[in-house]
Amino acid sequence: MTRRGAHAVPDLVARARAGEAAAVARLITLVEDASPHLREVMAALNPHTGRAHVLGITGAPGVGKSTSTNALVAGMRRAGKRVGVLAIDPSSPFSGGALLGDRVRMGDHALDKDVYIRSMGARGHLGGLAWSTPQAVRVLDAAGCDVVVVETVGVGQSEVEVAGLADTTLVLLAPGMGDGIQAAKAGILEVGDLYVVNKADREGAERTRRELRTMLSLGERHEGAWRPPVLMTVASTGEGIDDLLGELERHVTWLEESGELTRRRTLRARREVEAIALASLRERWGGTDGGDDLDVLAARVAAGETDPYAAADRLLDRGGD
């Protein structure tokens, strides 16, 4: 955005709030590029956020995340909801890769003005999300989406970061992929609100569901806590999707009535503020490498002349000069 364009931020936000796809796309691009005008954009968007329900969809590669997202969006549209989808692409945003796959699988909604689909490059960020995903969610929230679906990269066991971003986390598994064992190793049973065995028409689907239910039953839950259901779907045909949408609505109601929604969103905001503050600190003392000061301090620590905590304090003190 040019210097003259900086004065257009209020107009850009107004157009996005009116549902103009090009304006939404421009705002998300500003987010991804860490534009100098990002602070102004976020300040303008903030009064209009907090209405959308954020649904995170995660799972290992091949379980049918994009196909399931497509089916869920179709169900939400039948209910009259405006939907935004952020599909995180593991490849470079310039190389195509999964970008085309996401578009093909969600092509049913390409001409629907009340569905916005955006692929975002993870750009090496671990945890299944792009670093800019929280701000992109804010853009879609402010643009009037009732639901924002965040579909993660599909990186397997490290893909639990979405739970810190979403109001509801949906974990997808499929029979015959060793997902039950993988889930136990990953600790992913601690982050899911809804569990779905997709491709339920395949052999072993019932066994996968039984294993999941058994593992979930081993966890300790206090009275009144949400008990995650395990559902069966065949997303490619739409089988089981209505039941899944019903459980999603039940979870939304529980979040609101239990106060858990406020707690999760406050924690999410805390992480976002912390991440921005840490990024600002890095900029203050010369980027992520810390510049020459860090090299000098590292040499002193290695030589035993100072300890790493004292060195870190010294680095931060210099950053505030």
C-alpha atoms as a PDB file:
ATOM      1  CA  MET A   1       0.000   0.000   0.000  1.00  0.00           C
ATOM      2  CA  THR A   2       1.470   3.362  -1.012  1.00  0.00           C
ATOM      3  CA  ARG A   3       1.735   6.412   1.211  1.00  0.00           C
ATOM      4  CA  ARG A   4      -1.366   7.795  -0.486  1.00  0.00           C
ATOM      5  CA  GLY A   5      -2.994   4.387  -0.079  1.00  0.00           C
ATOM      6  CA  ALA A   6      -2.525   4.594   3.689  1.00  0.00           C
ATOM      7  CA  HIS A   7      -5.352   7.111   3.759  1.00  0.00           C
ATOM      8  CA  ALA A   8      -7.568   4.471   2.101  1.00  0.00           C
ATOM      9  CA  VAL A   9      -7.508   2.061   5.064  1.00  0.00           C
ATOM     10  CA  PRO A  10     -10.941   3.158   6.401  1.00  0.00           C
ATOM     11  CA  ASP A  11     -12.408   2.791   2.912  1.00  0.00           C
ATOM     12  CA  LEU A  12     -10.785  -0.637   2.471  1.00  0.00           C
ATOM     13  CA  VAL A  13     -12.217  -1.802   5.796  1.00  0.00           C
ATOM     14  CA  ALA A  14     -15.660  -0.442   4.918  1.00  0.00           C
ATOM     15  CA  ARG A  15     -15.610  -2.305   1.600  1.00  0.00           C
ATOM     16  CA  ALA A  16     -14.533  -5.523   3.320  1.00  0.00           C
ATOM     17  CA  ARG A  17     -17.348  -5.129   5.869  1.00  0.00           C
ATOM     18  CA  ALA A  18     -19.753  -4.784   2.945  1.00  0.00           C
ATOM     19  CA  GLY A  19     -18.605  -8.191   1.710  1.00  0.00           C
ATOM     20  CA  GLU A  20     -16.396  -7.074  -1.166  1.00  0.00           C
ATOM     21  CA  ALA A  21     -14.084 -10.048  -1.806  1.00  0.00           C
ATOM     22  CA  ALA A  22     -11.334  -7.938  -3.371  1.00  0.00           C
ATOM     23  CA  ALA A  23     -11.116  -5.754  -0.258  1.00  0.00           C
ATOM     24  CA  VAL A  24     -10.968  -8.815   2.015  1.00  0.00           C
ATOM     25  CA  ALA A  25      -8.210 -10.257  -0.166  1.00  0.00           C
ATOM     26  CA  ARG A  26      -6.249  -7.009   0.021  1.00  0.00           C
ATOM     27  CA  LEU A  27      -6.495  -6.883   3.811  1.00  0.00           C
ATOM     28  CA  ILE A  28      -5.280 -10.469   4.181  1.00  0.00           C
ATOM     29  CA  THR A  29      -2.399  -9.709   1.822  1.00  0.00           C
ATOM     30  CA  LEU A  30      -1.419  -6.779   4.058  1.00  0.00           C
ATOM     31  CA  VAL A  31      -1.466  -9.195   6.980  1.00  0.00           C
ATOM     32  CA  GLU A  32       0.699 -11.789   5.219  1.00  0.00           C
ATOM     33  CA  ASP A  33       3.188  -9.159   4.077  1.00  0.00           C
ATOM     34  CA  ALA A  34       3.397  -7.570   7.555  1.00  0.00           C
ATOM     35  CA  SER A  35       2.566  -4.205   5.989  1.00  0.00           C
ATOM     36  CA  PRO A  36       3.643  -1.007   7.794  1.00  0.00           C
ATOM     37  CA  HIS A  37      -0.075  -0.135   7.776  1.00  0.00           C
ATOM     38  CA  LEU A  38      -1.040  -3.313   9.621  1.00  0.00           C
ATOM     39  CA  ARG A  39      -1.484  -1.563  12.964  1.00  0.00           C
ATOM     40  CA  GLU A  40      -3.887   0.920  11.410  1.00  0.00           C
ATOM     41  CA  VAL A  41      -5.787  -1.904   9.705  1.00  0.00           C
ATOM     42  CA  MET A  42      -6.137  -3.909  12.928  1.00  0.00           C
ATOM     43  CA  ALA A  43      -7.285  -0.836  14.852  1.00  0.00           C
ATOM     44  CA  ALA A  44      -9.962  -0.194  12.230  1.00  0.00           C
ATOM     45  CA  LEU A  45     -11.124  -3.819  12.209  1.00  0.00           C
ATOM     46  CA  ASN A  46     -11.154  -4.382  15.964  1.00  0.00           C
ATOM     47  CA  PRO A  47     -14.568  -2.801  16.775  1.00  0.00           C
ATOM     48  CA  HIS A  48     -16.178  -5.181  14.294  1.00  0.00           C
ATOM     49  CA  THR A  49     -14.661  -8.458  15.561  1.00  0.00           C
ATOM     50  CA  GLY A  50     -15.766 -11.070  18.089  1.00  0.00           C
ATOM     51  CA  ARG A  51     -18.877 -12.356  16.324  1.00  0.00           C
ATOM     52  CA  ALA A  52     -17.555 -15.186  14.159  1.00  0.00           C
ATOM     53  CA  HIS A  53     -17.165 -18.701  15.509  1.00  0.00           C
ATOM     54  CA  VAL A  54     -13.708 -20.073  14.674  1.00  0.00           C
ATOM     55  CA  LEU A  55     -13.641 -23.754  13.702  1.00  0.00           C
ATOM     56  CA  GLY A  56     -10.241 -25.411  13.428  1.00  0.00           C
ATOM     57  CA  ILE A  57      -9.967 -28.578  11.347  1.00  0.00           C
ATOM     58  CA  THR A  58      -6.853 -30.680  11.824  1.00  0.00           C
ATOM     59  CA  GLY A  59      -5.582 -34.159  11.107  1.00  0.00           C
ATOM     60  CA  ALA A  60      -2.860 -36.097   9.343  1.00  0.00           C
ATOM     61  CA  PRO A  61      -2.424 -35.852   5.554  1.00  0.00           C
ATOM     62  CA  GLY A  62      -4.894 -37.920   3.584  1.00  0.00           C
ATOM     63  CA  VAL A  63      -7.780 -37.970   6.063  1.00  0.00           C
ATOM     64  CA  GLY A  64      -9.929 -35.716   3.883  1.00  0.00           C
ATOM     65  CA  LYS A  65      -9.654 -32.277   5.508  1.00  0.00           C
ATOM     66  CA  SER A  66     -10.429 -30.260   2.376  1.00  0.00           C
ATOM     67  CA  THR A  67     -13.272 -32.566   1.328  1.00  0.00           C
ATOM     68  CA  SER A  68     -14.731 -32.392   4.844  1.00  0.00           C
ATOM     69  CA  THR A  69     -14.383 -28.606   4.874  1.00  0.00           C
ATOM     70  CA  ASN A  70     -16.229 -28.427   1.560  1.00  0.00           C
ATOM     71  CA  ALA A  71     -19.081 -30.559   2.929  1.00  0.00           C
ATOM     72  CA  LEU A  72     -19.286 -28.566   6.180  1.00  0.00           C
ATOM     73  CA  VAL A  73     -19.365 -25.254   4.320  1.00  0.00           C
ATOM     74  CA  ALA A  74     -22.230 -26.560   2.168  1.00  0.00           C
ATOM     75  CA  GLY A  75     -24.178 -27.417   5.326  1.00  0.00           C
ATOM     76  CA  MET A  76     -23.476 -24.033   6.899  1.00  0.00           C
ATOM     77  CA  ARG A  77     -24.612 -22.260   3.748  1.00  0.00           C
ATOM     78  CA  ARG A  78     -27.891 -24.206   3.816  1.00  0.00           C
ATOM     79  CA  ALA A  79     -28.353 -22.734   7.294  1.00  0.00           C
ATOM     80  CA  GLY A  80     -27.839 -19.247   5.852  1.00  0.00           C
ATOM     81  CA  LYS A  81     -24.412 -18.610   7.385  1.00  0.00           C
ATOM     82  CA  ARG A  82     -21.619 -16.602   5.781  1.00  0.00           C
ATOM     83  CA  VAL A  83     -18.399 -18.603   5.870  1.00  0.00           C
ATOM     84  CA  GLY A  84     -14.719 -17.786   5.545  1.00  0.00           C
ATOM     85  CA  VAL A  85     -12.143 -20.517   4.948  1.00  0.00           C
ATOM     86  CA  LEU A  86      -8.411 -20.207   5.557  1.00  0.00           C
ATOM     87  CA  ALA A  87      -6.650 -23.235   4.048  1.00  0.00           C
ATOM     88  CA  ILE A  88      -3.026 -23.319   5.147  1.00  0.00           C
ATOM     89  CA  ASP A  89      -0.700 -24.382   2.337  1.00  0.00           C
ATOM     90  CA  PRO A  90       2.520 -26.187   3.332  1.00  0.00           C
ATOM     91  CA  SER A  91       4.288 -25.040   0.180  1.00  0.00           C
ATOM     92  CA  SER A  92       5.493 -21.658  -0.965  1.00  0.00           C
ATOM     93  CA  PRO A  93       2.562 -19.377  -1.826  1.00  0.00           C
ATOM     94  CA  PHE A  94       4.222 -18.857  -5.236  1.00  0.00           C
ATOM     95  CA  SER A  95       4.639 -22.516  -6.209  1.00  0.00           C
ATOM     96  CA  GLY A  96       0.991 -23.598  -6.437  1.00  0.00           C
ATOM     97  CA  GLY A  97       1.191 -26.990  -4.715  1.00  0.00           C
ATOM     98  CA  ALA A  98      -1.741 -27.606  -2.378  1.00  0.00           C
ATOM     99  CA  LEU A  99      -3.255 -24.297  -3.433  1.00  0.00           C
ATOM    100  CA  LEU A 100      -4.768 -25.920  -6.537  1.00  0.00           C
ATOM    101  CA  GLY A 101      -5.953 -28.950  -4.547  1.00  0.00           C
ATOM    102  CA  ASP A 102      -7.817 -26.723  -2.075  1.00  0.00           C
ATOM    103  CA  ARG A 103      -9.500 -24.811  -4.888  1.00  0.00           C
ATOM    104  CA  VAL A 104     -10.570 -27.990  -6.691  1.00  0.00           C
ATOM    105  CA  ARG A 105     -11.998 -29.656  -3.580  1.00  0.00           C
ATOM    106  CA  MET A 106     -13.867 -26.511  -2.538  1.00  0.00           C
ATOM    107  CA  GLY A 107     -14.842 -25.538  -6.070  1.00  0.00           C
ATOM    108  CA  ASP A 108     -18.538 -25.995  -5.255  1.00  0.00           C
ATOM    109  CA  HIS A 109     -18.439 -22.629  -3.457  1.00  0.00           C
ATOM    110  CA  ALA A 110     -16.280 -20.670  -5.919  1.00  0.00           C
ATOM    111  CA  LEU A 111     -19.172 -18.530  -7.161  1.00  0.00           C
ATOM    112  CA  ASP A 112     -20.900 -18.101  -3.796  1.00  0.00           C
ATOM    113  CA  LYS A 113     -20.441 -14.493  -2.663  1.00  0.00           C
ATOM    114  CA  ASP A 114     -21.119 -15.543   0.944  1.00  0.00           C
ATOM    115  CA  VAL A 115     -18.163 -17.940   1.011  1.00  0.00           C
ATOM    116  CA  TYR A 116     -14.609 -16.616   1.047  1.00  0.00           C
ATOM    117  CA  ILE A 117     -11.791 -19.130   0.517  1.00  0.00           C
ATOM    118  CA  ARG A 118      -8.152 -18.160   0.944  1.00  0.00           C
ATOM    119  CA  SER A 119      -5.034 -20.310   0.857  1.00  0.00           C
ATOM    120  CA  MET A 120      -2.146 -19.089   2.995  1.00  0.00           C
ATOM    121  CA  GLY A 121       1.451 -20.269   2.829  1.00  0.00           C
ATOM    122  CA  ALA A 122       2.802 -21.636   6.127  1.00  0.00           C
ATOM    123  CA  ARG A 123       6.225 -20.244   5.085  1.00  0.00           C
ATOM    124  CA  GLY A 124       8.074 -22.654   7.328  1.00  0.00           C
ATOM    125  CA  HIS A 125       6.009 -21.936  10.435  1.00  0.00           C
ATOM    126  CA  LEU A 126       5.504 -25.132  12.445  1.00  0.00           C
ATOM    127  CA  GLY A 127       2.298 -26.278  14.124  1.00  0.00           C
ATOM    128  CA  GLY A 128       0.100 -26.454  11.032  1.00  0.00           C
ATOM    129  CA  LEU A 129      -0.669 -22.724  10.758  1.00  0.00           C
ATOM    130  CA  ALA A 130       0.811 -19.656   9.118  1.00  0.00           C
ATOM    131  CA  TRP A 131       2.215 -17.037  11.512  1.00  0.00           C
ATOM    132  CA  SER A 132      -0.343 -14.506  10.240  1.00  0.00           C
ATOM    133  CA  THR A 133      -3.398 -16.767  10.655  1.00  0.00           C
ATOM    134  CA  PRO A 134      -4.786 -15.034  13.812  1.00  0.00           C
ATOM    135  CA  GLN A 135      -4.834 -11.647  12.059  1.00  0.00           C
ATOM    136  CA  ALA A 136      -6.394 -13.173   8.930  1.00  0.00           C
ATOM    137  CA  VAL A 137      -9.140 -14.634  11.138  1.00  0.00           C
ATOM    138  CA  ARG A 138      -9.796 -11.110  12.445  1.00  0.00           C
ATOM    139  CA  VAL A 139     -10.183  -9.846   8.878  1.00  0.00           C
ATOM    140  CA  LEU A 140     -12.814 -12.473   8.034  1.00  0.00           C
ATOM    141  CA  ASP A 141     -14.561 -11.924  11.363  1.00  0.00           C
ATOM    142  CA  ALA A 142     -14.813  -8.181  10.730  1.00  0.00           C
ATOM    143  CA  ALA A 143     -15.931  -8.840   7.153  1.00  0.00           C
ATOM    144  CA  GLY A 144     -19.132 -10.380   8.494  1.00  0.00           C
ATOM    145  CA  CYS A 145     -18.430 -14.119   8.423  1.00  0.00           C
ATOM    146  CA  ASP A 146     -20.550 -16.103  10.860  1.00  0.00           C
ATOM    147  CA  VAL A 147     -18.033 -18.949  10.852  1.00  0.00           C
ATOM    148  CA  VAL A 148     -14.325 -18.912  10.042  1.00  0.00           C
ATOM    149  CA  VAL A 149     -12.939 -22.351   9.199  1.00  0.00           C
ATOM    150  CA  VAL A 150      -9.180 -22.801   9.576  1.00  0.00           C
ATOM    151  CA  GLU A 151      -7.916 -25.922   7.804  1.00  0.00           C
ATOM    152  CA  THR A 152      -4.381 -26.782   8.897  1.00  0.00           C
ATOM    153  CA  VAL A 153      -1.464 -27.947   6.783  1.00  0.00           C
ATOM    154  CA  GLY A 154      -1.679 -31.628   7.606  1.00  0.00           C
ATOM    155  CA  VAL A 155       1.687 -32.113   9.234  1.00  0.00           C
ATOM    156  CA  GLY A 156       0.705 -34.870  11.635  1.00  0.00           C
ATOM    157  CA  GLN A 157       1.821 -34.826  15.238  1.00  0.00           C
ATOM    158  CA  SER A 158       2.911 -31.181  15.493  1.00  0.00           C
ATOM    159  CA  GLU A 159      -0.460 -29.981  14.240  1.00  0.00           C
ATOM    160  CA  VAL A 160      -1.980 -28.952  17.567  1.00  0.00           C
ATOM    161  CA  GLU A 161      -1.412 -25.189  17.411  1.00  0.00           C
ATOM    162  CA  VAL A 162      -4.859 -24.727  15.880  1.00  0.00           C
ATOM    163  CA  ALA A 163      -6.430 -25.527  19.265  1.00  0.00           C
ATOM    164  CA  GLY A 164      -5.044 -22.255  20.598  1.00  0.00           C
ATOM    165  CA  LEU A 165      -6.681 -20.330  17.764  1.00  0.00           C
ATOM    166  CA  ALA A 166     -10.058 -22.033  17.397  1.00  0.00           C
ATOM    167  CA  ASP A 167     -13.223 -21.848  19.472  1.00  0.00           C
ATOM    168  CA  THR A 168     -13.927 -25.428  18.399  1.00  0.00           C
ATOM    169  CA  THR A 169     -11.277 -27.902  17.251  1.00  0.00           C
ATOM    170  CA  LEU A 170     -12.320 -30.770  14.991  1.00  0.00           C
ATOM    171  CA  VAL A 171      -9.867 -33.662  14.675  1.00  0.00           C
ATOM    172  CA  LEU A 172     -10.195 -35.838  11.571  1.00  0.00           C
ATOM    173  CA  LEU A 173      -8.955 -39.404  11.357  1.00  0.00           C
ATOM    174  CA  ALA A 174      -9.370 -42.169   8.811  1.00  0.00           C
ATOM    175  CA  PRO A 175      -9.292 -45.960   9.087  1.00  0.00           C
ATOM    176  CA  GLY A 176      -6.195 -47.853   8.057  1.00  0.00           C
ATOM    177  CA  MET A 177      -3.760 -44.974   8.593  1.00  0.00           C
ATOM    178  CA  GLY A 178      -2.561 -45.728  12.119  1.00  0.00           C
ATOM    179  CA  ASP A 179      -4.247 -42.551  13.329  1.00  0.00           C
ATOM    180  CA  GLY A 180      -5.291 -43.971  16.691  1.00  0.00           C
ATOM    181  CA  ILE A 181      -1.693 -44.644  17.701  1.00  0.00           C
ATOM    182  CA  GLN A 182      -0.518 -41.405  16.132  1.00  0.00           C
ATOM    183  CA  ALA A 183      -3.130 -39.417  18.034  1.00  0.00           C
ATOM    184  CA  ALA A 184      -2.059 -40.960  21.334  1.00  0.00           C
ATOM    185  CA  LYS A 185       1.577 -40.059  20.678  1.00  0.00           C
ATOM    186  CA  ALA A 186       0.759 -36.529  19.610  1.00  0.00           C
ATOM    187  CA  GLY A 187      -1.387 -35.687  22.587  1.00  0.00           C
ATOM    188  CA  ILE A 188      -3.992 -34.607  20.071  1.00  0.00           C
ATOM    189  CA  LEU A 189      -6.650 -36.258  22.237  1.00  0.00           C
ATOM    190  CA  GLU A 190      -6.190 -33.353  24.629  1.00  0.00           C
ATOM    191  CA  VAL A 191      -7.019 -30.632  22.113  1.00  0.00           C
ATOM    192  CA  GLY A 192     -10.017 -31.956  20.167  1.00  0.00           C
ATOM    193  CA  ASP A 193     -13.611 -30.963  20.853  1.00  0.00           C
ATOM    194  CA  LEU A 194     -15.065 -33.112  18.079  1.00  0.00           C
ATOM    195  CA  TYR A 195     -13.534 -36.284  16.640  1.00  0.00           C
ATOM    196  CA  VAL A 196     -14.512 -37.569  13.225  1.00  0.00           C
ATOM    197  CA  VAL A 197     -13.617 -40.851  11.575  1.00  0.00           C
ATOM    198  CA  ASN A 198     -13.878 -39.869   7.921  1.00  0.00           C
ATOM    199  CA  LYS A 199     -13.981 -42.354   5.018  1.00  0.00           C
ATOM    200  CA  ALA A 200     -16.214 -44.442   7.267  1.00  0.00           C
ATOM    201  CA  ASP A 201     -17.181 -46.666   4.333  1.00  0.00           C
ATOM    202  CA  ARG A 202     -13.704 -48.221   4.498  1.00  0.00           C
ATOM    203  CA  GLU A 203     -12.777 -51.367   6.365  1.00  0.00           C
ATOM    204  CA  GLY A 204     -11.639 -50.711   9.924  1.00  0.00           C
ATOM    205  CA  ALA A 205     -13.733 -47.583  10.498  1.00  0.00           C
ATOM    206  CA  GLU A 206     -15.650 -49.072  13.436  1.00  0.00           C
ATOM    207  CA  ARG A 207     -12.413 -50.285  15.004  1.00  0.00           C
ATOM    208  CA  THR A 208     -10.917 -46.802  14.716  1.00  0.00           C
ATOM    209  CA  ARG A 209     -13.974 -45.318  16.410  1.00  0.00           C
ATOM    210  CA  ARG A 210     -13.803 -47.859  19.244  1.00  0.00           C
ATOM    211  CA  GLU A 211     -10.108 -47.132  19.803  1.00  0.00           C
ATOM    212  CA  LEU A 212     -10.793 -43.412  19.915  1.00  0.00           C
ATOM    213  CA  ARG A 213     -13.670 -43.787  22.372  1.00  0.00           C
ATOM    214  CA  THR A 214     -11.515 -45.995  24.595  1.00  0.00           C
ATOM    215  CA  MET A 215      -8.639 -43.511  24.648  1.00  0.00           C
ATOM    216  CA  LEU A 216     -10.971 -40.586  25.290  1.00  0.00           C
ATOM    217  CA  SER A 217     -12.583 -42.410  28.193  1.00  0.00           C
ATOM    218  CA  LEU A 218      -9.192 -42.700  29.924  1.00  0.00           C
ATOM    219  CA  GLY A 219      -8.867 -38.952  30.367  1.00  0.00           C
ATOM    220  CA  GLU A 220      -9.985 -37.250  33.567  1.00  0.00           C
ATOM    221  CA  ARG A 221     -12.774 -34.702  33.139  1.00  0.00           C
ATOM    222  CA  HIS A 222     -14.377 -32.571  35.823  1.00  0.00           C
ATOM    223  CA  GLU A 223     -18.111 -32.383  36.282  1.00  0.00           C
ATOM    224  CA  GLY A 224     -19.742 -30.282  33.598  1.00  0.00           C
ATOM    225  CA  ALA A 225     -16.774 -30.635  31.245  1.00  0.00           C
ATOM    226  CA  TRP A 226     -17.375 -31.153  27.557  1.00  0.00           C
ATOM    227  CA  ARG A 227     -17.181 -34.779  26.485  1.00  0.00           C
ATOM    228  CA  PRO A 228     -15.970 -34.968  22.880  1.00  0.00           C
ATOM    229  CA  PRO A 229     -18.162 -37.136  20.636  1.00  0.00           C
ATOM    230  CA  VAL A 230     -16.722 -39.491  18.028  1.00  0.00           C
ATOM    231  CA  LEU A 231     -18.636 -39.329  14.757  1.00  0.00           C
ATOM    232  CA  MET A 232     -18.483 -41.176  11.444  1.00  0.00           C
ATOM    233  CA  THR A 233     -18.597 -39.438   8.061  1.00  0.00           C
ATOM    234  CA  VAL A 234     -18.056 -40.016   4.384  1.00  0.00           C
ATOM    235  CA  ALA A 235     -17.351 -36.426   3.411  1.00  0.00           C
ATOM    236  CA  SER A 236     -17.183 -37.154  -0.318  1.00  0.00           C
ATOM    237  CA  THR A 237     -20.887 -38.113  -0.298  1.00  0.00           C
ATOM    238  CA  GLY A 238     -22.037 -35.918   2.596  1.00  0.00           C
ATOM    239  CA  GLU A 239     -22.912 -38.886   4.793  1.00  0.00           C
ATOM    240  CA  GLY A 240     -22.828 -37.960   8.491  1.00  0.00           C
ATOM    241  CA  ILE A 241     -22.245 -34.249   7.862  1.00  0.00           C
ATOM    242  CA  ASP A 242     -25.638 -33.180   9.264  1.00  0.00           C
ATOM    243  CA  ASP A 243     -24.906 -35.058  12.491  1.00  0.00           C
ATOM    244  CA  LEU A 244     -21.505 -33.379  12.664  1.00  0.00           C
ATOM    245  CA  LEU A 245     -23.065 -29.943  12.206  1.00  0.00           C
ATOM    246  CA  GLY A 246     -25.534 -30.758  14.977  1.00  0.00           C
ATOM    247  CA  GLU A 247     -22.696 -31.647  17.365  1.00  0.00           C
ATOM    248  CA  LEU A 248     -20.887 -28.464  16.372  1.00  0.00           C
ATOM    249  CA  GLU A 249     -23.939 -26.397  17.309  1.00  0.00           C
ATOM    250  CA  ARG A 250     -24.188 -28.297  20.593  1.00  0.00           C
ATOM    251  CA  HIS A 251     -20.567 -27.430  21.353  1.00  0.00           C
ATOM    252  CA  VAL A 252     -21.152 -23.758  20.538  1.00  0.00           C
ATOM    253  CA  THR A 253     -24.041 -23.717  23.015  1.00  0.00           C
ATOM    254  CA  TRP A 254     -21.907 -25.404  25.691  1.00  0.00           C
ATOM    255  CA  LEU A 255     -19.077 -22.908  25.153  1.00  0.00           C
ATOM    256  CA  GLU A 256     -21.416 -19.970  25.652  1.00  0.00           C
ATOM    257  CA  GLU A 257     -23.300 -21.363  28.637  1.00  0.00           C
ATOM    258  CA  SER A 258     -20.211 -22.634  30.488  1.00  0.00           C
ATOM    259  CA  GLY A 259     -18.155 -19.470  30.034  1.00  0.00           C
ATOM    260  CA  GLU A 260     -15.499 -21.479  28.205  1.00  0.00           C
ATOM    261  CA  LEU A 261     -15.858 -19.347  25.082  1.00  0.00           C
ATOM    262  CA  THR A 262     -14.770 -16.217  26.948  1.00  0.00           C
ATOM    263  CA  ARG A 263     -11.894 -18.086  28.576  1.00  0.00           C
ATOM    264  CA  ARG A 264     -10.624 -19.459  25.260  1.00  0.00           C
ATOM    265  CA  ARG A 265     -10.868 -16.133  23.470  1.00  0.00           C
ATOM    266  CA  THR A 266      -9.100 -14.315  26.300  1.00  0.00           C
ATOM    267  CA  LEU A 267      -6.285 -16.873  26.211  1.00  0.00           C
ATOM    268  CA  ARG A 268      -6.125 -16.527  22.418  1.00  0.00           C
ATOM    269  CA  ALA A 269      -5.839 -12.752  22.703  1.00  0.00           C
ATOM    270  CA  ARG A 270      -3.120 -13.157  25.337  1.00  0.00           C
ATOM    271  CA  ARG A 271      -1.045 -15.319  22.984  1.00  0.00           C
ATOM    272  CA  GLU A 272      -1.567 -12.859  20.144  1.00  0.00           C
ATOM    273  CA  VAL A 273      -0.483  -9.875  22.233  1.00  0.00           C
ATOM    274  CA  GLU A 274       2.540 -11.801  23.493  1.00  0.00           C
ATOM    275  CA  ALA A 275       3.582 -12.789  19.961  1.00  0.00           C
ATOM    276  CA  ILE A 276       3.334  -9.202  18.723  1.00  0.00           C
ATOM    277  CA  ALA A 277       5.274  -7.906  21.729  1.00  0.00           C
ATOM    278  CA  LEU A 278       8.038 -10.469  21.209  1.00  0.00           C
ATOM    279  CA  ALA A 279       8.246  -9.575  17.509  1.00  0.00           C
ATOM    280  CA  SER A 280       8.579  -5.906  18.464  1.00  0.00           C
ATOM    281  CA  LEU A 281      11.348  -6.754  20.914  1.00  0.00           C
ATOM    282  CA  ARG A 282      13.256  -8.614  18.219  1.00  0.00           C
ATOM    283  CA  GLU A 283      12.978  -5.621  15.907  1.00  0.00           C
ATOM    284  CA  ARG A 284      14.157  -3.331  18.687  1.00  0.00           C
ATOM    285  CA  TRP A 285      17.457  -5.168  19.115  1.00  0.00           C
ATOM    286  CA  GLY A 286      18.189  -5.789  15.471  1.00  0.00           C
ATOM    287  CA  GLY A 287      16.036  -8.652  14.275  1.00  0.00           C
ATOM    288  CA  THR A 288      15.835 -12.298  15.245  1.00  0.00           C
ATOM    289  CA  ASP A 289      19.627 -12.655  15.316  1.00  0.00           C
ATOM    290  CA  GLY A 290      20.071  -9.849  17.800  1.00  0.00           C
ATOM    291  CA  GLY A 291      22.795  -8.230  15.686  1.00  0.00           C
ATOM    292  CA  ASP A 292      26.359  -7.691  16.923  1.00  0.00           C
ATOM    293  CA  ASP A 293      25.250  -7.356  20.560  1.00  0.00           C
ATOM    294  CA  LEU A 294      24.041 -10.942  20.623  1.00  0.00           C
ATOM    295  CA  ASP A 295      27.279 -12.229  19.098  1.00  0.00           C
ATOM    296  CA  VAL A 296      29.353 -10.447  21.749  1.00  0.00           C
ATOM    297  CA  LEU A 297      27.145 -11.658  24.584  1.00  0.00           C
ATOM    298  CA  ALA A 298      27.129 -15.211  23.221  1.00  0.00           C
ATOM    299  CA  ALA A 299      30.924 -15.220  23.147  1.00  0.00           C
ATOM    300  CA  ARG A 300      31.015 -14.054  26.780  1.00  0.00           C
ATOM    301  CA  VAL A 301      28.595 -16.808  27.837  1.00  0.00           C
ATOM    302  CA  ALA A 302      30.653 -19.434  25.996  1.00  0.00           C
ATOM    303  CA  ALA A 303      33.812 -18.141  27.697  1.00  0.00           C
ATOM    304  CA  GLY A 304      32.174 -18.367  31.125  1.00  0.00           C
ATOM    305  CA  GLU A 305      32.360 -14.617  31.688  1.00  0.00           C
ATOM    306  CA  THR A 306      28.603 -14.292  32.221  1.00  0.00           C
ATOM    307  CA  ASP A 307      25.539 -16.530  32.436  1.00  0.00           C
ATOM    308  CA  PRO A 308      22.815 -16.729  29.773  1.00  0.00           C
ATOM    309  CA  TYR A 309      20.134 -15.083  31.953  1.00  0.00           C
ATOM    310  CA  ALA A 310      22.329 -12.071  32.668  1.00  0.00           C
ATOM    311  CA  ALA A 311      23.209 -11.898  28.977  1.00  0.00           C
ATOM    312  CA  ALA A 312      19.528 -11.949  27.996  1.00  0.00           C
ATOM    313  CA  ASP A 313      18.777  -9.142  30.477  1.00  0.00           C
ATOM    314  CA  ARG A 314      21.656  -7.137  29.037  1.00  0.00           C
ATOM    315  CA  LEU A 315      20.370  -7.672  25.499  1.00  0.00           C
ATOM    316  CA  LEU A 316      16.882  -6.502  26.405  1.00  0.00           C
ATOM    317  CA  ASP A 317      18.261  -3.486  28.275  1.00  0.00           C
ATOM    318  CA  ARG A 318      20.230  -2.446  25.226  1.00  0.00           C
ATOM    319  CA  GLY A 319      17.125  -2.881  23.074  1.00  0.00           C
ATOM    320  CA  GLY A 320      15.355  -0.294  25.178  1.00  0.00           C
ATOM    321  CA  ASP A 321      18.096   2.315  24.697  1.00  0.00           C
END
